[in-house]
Amino acid sequence: MTRNPWPVTRHEAADEPIVCRCEEITLSQVERAIAEGYDTLEELKRHLRAGMGPCQGRTCLPLLARILARKTGRPLEQVFSSVSVRPPLAPAPVTLFLGGEDEG
């Protein structure tokens, strides 16, 4: 029995370009959202959940911005100015929040 090395994806076509790997957002989904009126990077991010995966948008937000700039005719700098990017949180050990034995 041969196993399929390609993962199962949620998008329509297996050969369609993926813009956001974490959330499996395809180019056609991005273009459709822009056509529906989501014309700022912040709106696209919230509507499609782009940048909300483990990479926190390091890869997909610049791609989304370029697609949005191309589709709307706006300069890339203007497109990027409308998004709020928050750095990912660093995990902290639980012991950091526990009090010592001599406290209290």
C-alpha atoms as a PDB file:
ATOM      1  CA  MET A   1       0.000   0.000   0.000  1.00  0.00           C
ATOM      2  CA  THR A   2       1.424   3.388  -1.037  1.00  0.00           C
ATOM      3  CA  ARG A   3       0.817   6.384   1.192  1.00  0.00           C
ATOM      4  CA  ASN A   4       0.085   9.782  -0.285  1.00  0.00           C
ATOM      5  CA  PRO A   5       2.976  12.115   0.674  1.00  0.00           C
ATOM      6  CA  TRP A   6       0.826  15.242   0.162  1.00  0.00           C
ATOM      7  CA  PRO A   7      -1.299  16.452   3.069  1.00  0.00           C
ATOM      8  CA  VAL A   8      -5.020  16.869   2.758  1.00  0.00           C
ATOM      9  CA  THR A   9      -5.853  20.533   2.277  1.00  0.00           C
ATOM     10  CA  ARG A  10      -9.023  22.530   2.770  1.00  0.00           C
ATOM     11  CA  HIS A  11      -8.699  24.650  -0.359  1.00  0.00           C
ATOM     12  CA  GLU A  12     -10.388  24.039  -3.666  1.00  0.00           C
ATOM     13  CA  ALA A  13      -7.527  23.026  -5.969  1.00  0.00           C
ATOM     14  CA  ALA A  14      -4.389  21.175  -4.999  1.00  0.00           C
ATOM     15  CA  ASP A  15      -2.288  23.140  -7.476  1.00  0.00           C
ATOM     16  CA  GLU A  16      -3.510  26.613  -6.420  1.00  0.00           C
ATOM     17  CA  PRO A  17      -0.943  28.919  -4.796  1.00  0.00           C
ATOM     18  CA  ILE A  18      -1.206  29.129  -1.023  1.00  0.00           C
ATOM     19  CA  VAL A  19      -0.646  32.604   0.401  1.00  0.00           C
ATOM     20  CA  CYS A  20      -0.847  31.677   4.098  1.00  0.00           C
ATOM     21  CA  ARG A  21       0.503  28.225   4.919  1.00  0.00           C
ATOM     22  CA  CYS A  22      -0.592  28.248   8.554  1.00  0.00           C
ATOM     23  CA  GLU A  23      -4.251  28.874   7.737  1.00  0.00           C
ATOM     24  CA  GLU A  24      -4.136  27.383   4.184  1.00  0.00           C
ATOM     25  CA  ILE A  25      -5.442  30.538   2.521  1.00  0.00           C
ATOM     26  CA  THR A  26      -5.235  30.428  -1.252  1.00  0.00           C
ATOM     27  CA  LEU A  27      -4.662  33.190  -3.780  1.00  0.00           C
ATOM     28  CA  SER A  28      -8.219  32.859  -5.101  1.00  0.00           C
ATOM     29  CA  GLN A  29      -9.629  33.262  -1.574  1.00  0.00           C
ATOM     30  CA  VAL A  30      -7.629  36.472  -1.149  1.00  0.00           C
ATOM     31  CA  GLU A  31      -8.719  37.800  -4.546  1.00  0.00           C
ATOM     32  CA  ARG A  32     -12.350  36.892  -3.810  1.00  0.00           C
ATOM     33  CA  ALA A  33     -12.237  38.722  -0.467  1.00  0.00           C
ATOM     34  CA  ILE A  34     -10.793  41.829  -2.138  1.00  0.00           C
ATOM     35  CA  ALA A  35     -13.541  41.681  -4.767  1.00  0.00           C
ATOM     36  CA  GLU A  36     -16.131  41.435  -1.941  1.00  0.00           C
ATOM     37  CA  GLY A  37     -14.875  44.731  -0.504  1.00  0.00           C
ATOM     38  CA  TYR A  38     -12.236  43.754   2.052  1.00  0.00           C
ATOM     39  CA  ASP A  39      -9.780  46.331   0.785  1.00  0.00           C
ATOM     40  CA  THR A  40      -7.417  46.971   3.687  1.00  0.00           C
ATOM     41  CA  LEU A  41      -4.791  44.632   5.057  1.00  0.00           C
ATOM     42  CA  GLU A  42      -6.442  44.707   8.480  1.00  0.00           C
ATOM     43  CA  GLU A  43      -9.814  43.688   7.000  1.00  0.00           C
ATOM     44  CA  LEU A  44      -8.237  40.863   4.994  1.00  0.00           C
ATOM     45  CA  LYS A  45      -6.333  39.678   8.042  1.00  0.00           C
ATOM     46  CA  ARG A  46      -9.474  39.547  10.180  1.00  0.00           C
ATOM     47  CA  HIS A  47     -11.740  38.104   7.475  1.00  0.00           C
ATOM     48  CA  LEU A  48      -9.382  35.357   6.285  1.00  0.00           C
ATOM     49  CA  ARG A  49      -7.510  34.763   9.591  1.00  0.00           C
ATOM     50  CA  ALA A  50      -4.237  35.436   7.791  1.00  0.00           C
ATOM     51  CA  GLY A  51      -1.339  35.989  10.158  1.00  0.00           C
ATOM     52  CA  MET A  52      -3.080  34.274  13.053  1.00  0.00           C
ATOM     53  CA  GLY A  53      -1.241  30.971  12.790  1.00  0.00           C
ATOM     54  CA  PRO A  54       2.046  29.931  14.389  1.00  0.00           C
ATOM     55  CA  CYS A  55       4.163  32.214  12.161  1.00  0.00           C
ATOM     56  CA  GLN A  56       2.118  35.285  13.184  1.00  0.00           C
ATOM     57  CA  GLY A  57       2.146  36.622   9.621  1.00  0.00           C
ATOM     58  CA  ARG A  58       5.886  36.701   9.017  1.00  0.00           C
ATOM     59  CA  THR A  59       5.368  35.115   5.595  1.00  0.00           C
ATOM     60  CA  CYS A  60       1.792  35.822   4.583  1.00  0.00           C
ATOM     61  CA  LEU A  61       1.286  39.470   5.542  1.00  0.00           C
ATOM     62  CA  PRO A  62       3.911  40.767   3.076  1.00  0.00           C
ATOM     63  CA  LEU A  63       2.361  38.528   0.392  1.00  0.00           C
ATOM     64  CA  LEU A  64      -1.149  39.752   1.221  1.00  0.00           C
ATOM     65  CA  ALA A  65       0.056  43.349   1.120  1.00  0.00           C
ATOM     66  CA  ARG A  66       1.588  42.907  -2.334  1.00  0.00           C
ATOM     67  CA  ILE A  67      -1.572  41.232  -3.675  1.00  0.00           C
ATOM     68  CA  LEU A  68      -3.745  43.971  -2.167  1.00  0.00           C
ATOM     69  CA  ALA A  69      -1.526  46.728  -3.576  1.00  0.00           C
ATOM     70  CA  ARG A  70      -1.614  45.136  -7.022  1.00  0.00           C
ATOM     71  CA  LYS A  71      -5.398  44.637  -6.985  1.00  0.00           C
ATOM     72  CA  THR A  72      -6.293  48.090  -5.594  1.00  0.00           C
ATOM     73  CA  GLY A  73      -3.573  50.136  -7.282  1.00  0.00           C
ATOM     74  CA  ARG A  74      -2.431  51.615  -3.969  1.00  0.00           C
ATOM     75  CA  PRO A  75       1.248  51.967  -3.043  1.00  0.00           C
ATOM     76  CA  LEU A  76       2.637  49.190  -0.863  1.00  0.00           C
ATOM     77  CA  GLU A  77       3.558  51.672   1.885  1.00  0.00           C
ATOM     78  CA  GLN A  78      -0.061  52.816   2.095  1.00  0.00           C
ATOM     79  CA  VAL A  79      -1.330  49.235   2.257  1.00  0.00           C
ATOM     80  CA  PHE A  80       1.090  48.359   5.073  1.00  0.00           C
ATOM     81  CA  SER A  81       0.194  51.464   7.076  1.00  0.00           C
ATOM     82  CA  SER A  82      -3.308  50.129   7.780  1.00  0.00           C
ATOM     83  CA  VAL A  83      -2.355  46.974   9.684  1.00  0.00           C
ATOM     84  CA  SER A  84      -1.545  46.390  13.324  1.00  0.00           C
ATOM     85  CA  VAL A  85       1.130  43.755  13.780  1.00  0.00           C
ATOM     86  CA  ARG A  86       1.687  42.355  17.222  1.00  0.00           C
ATOM     87  CA  PRO A  87       4.810  40.371  17.997  1.00  0.00           C
ATOM     88  CA  PRO A  88       4.240  36.786  19.105  1.00  0.00           C
ATOM     89  CA  LEU A  89       4.345  36.213  22.820  1.00  0.00           C
ATOM     90  CA  ALA A  90       7.220  34.255  24.241  1.00  0.00           C
ATOM     91  CA  PRO A  91       6.211  31.337  26.455  1.00  0.00           C
ATOM     92  CA  ALA A  92       7.034  31.768  30.128  1.00  0.00           C
ATOM     93  CA  PRO A  93       7.456  28.936  32.616  1.00  0.00           C
ATOM     94  CA  VAL A  94       4.700  28.687  35.217  1.00  0.00           C
ATOM     95  CA  THR A  95       7.309  28.806  37.984  1.00  0.00           C
ATOM     96  CA  LEU A  96       7.958  32.429  37.033  1.00  0.00           C
ATOM     97  CA  PHE A  97       4.514  33.319  38.396  1.00  0.00           C
ATOM     98  CA  LEU A  98       4.672  31.170  41.526  1.00  0.00           C
ATOM     99  CA  GLY A  99       5.764  32.786  44.748  1.00  0.00           C
ATOM    100  CA  GLY A 100       8.788  31.582  46.646  1.00  0.00           C
ATOM    101  CA  GLU A 101       8.523  29.787  49.997  1.00  0.00           C
ATOM    102  CA  ASP A 102       9.691  32.837  51.937  1.00  0.00           C
ATOM    103  CA  GLU A 103       6.943  35.115  50.543  1.00  0.00           C
ATOM    104  CA  GLY A 104       3.670  35.735  52.217  1.00  0.00           C
END
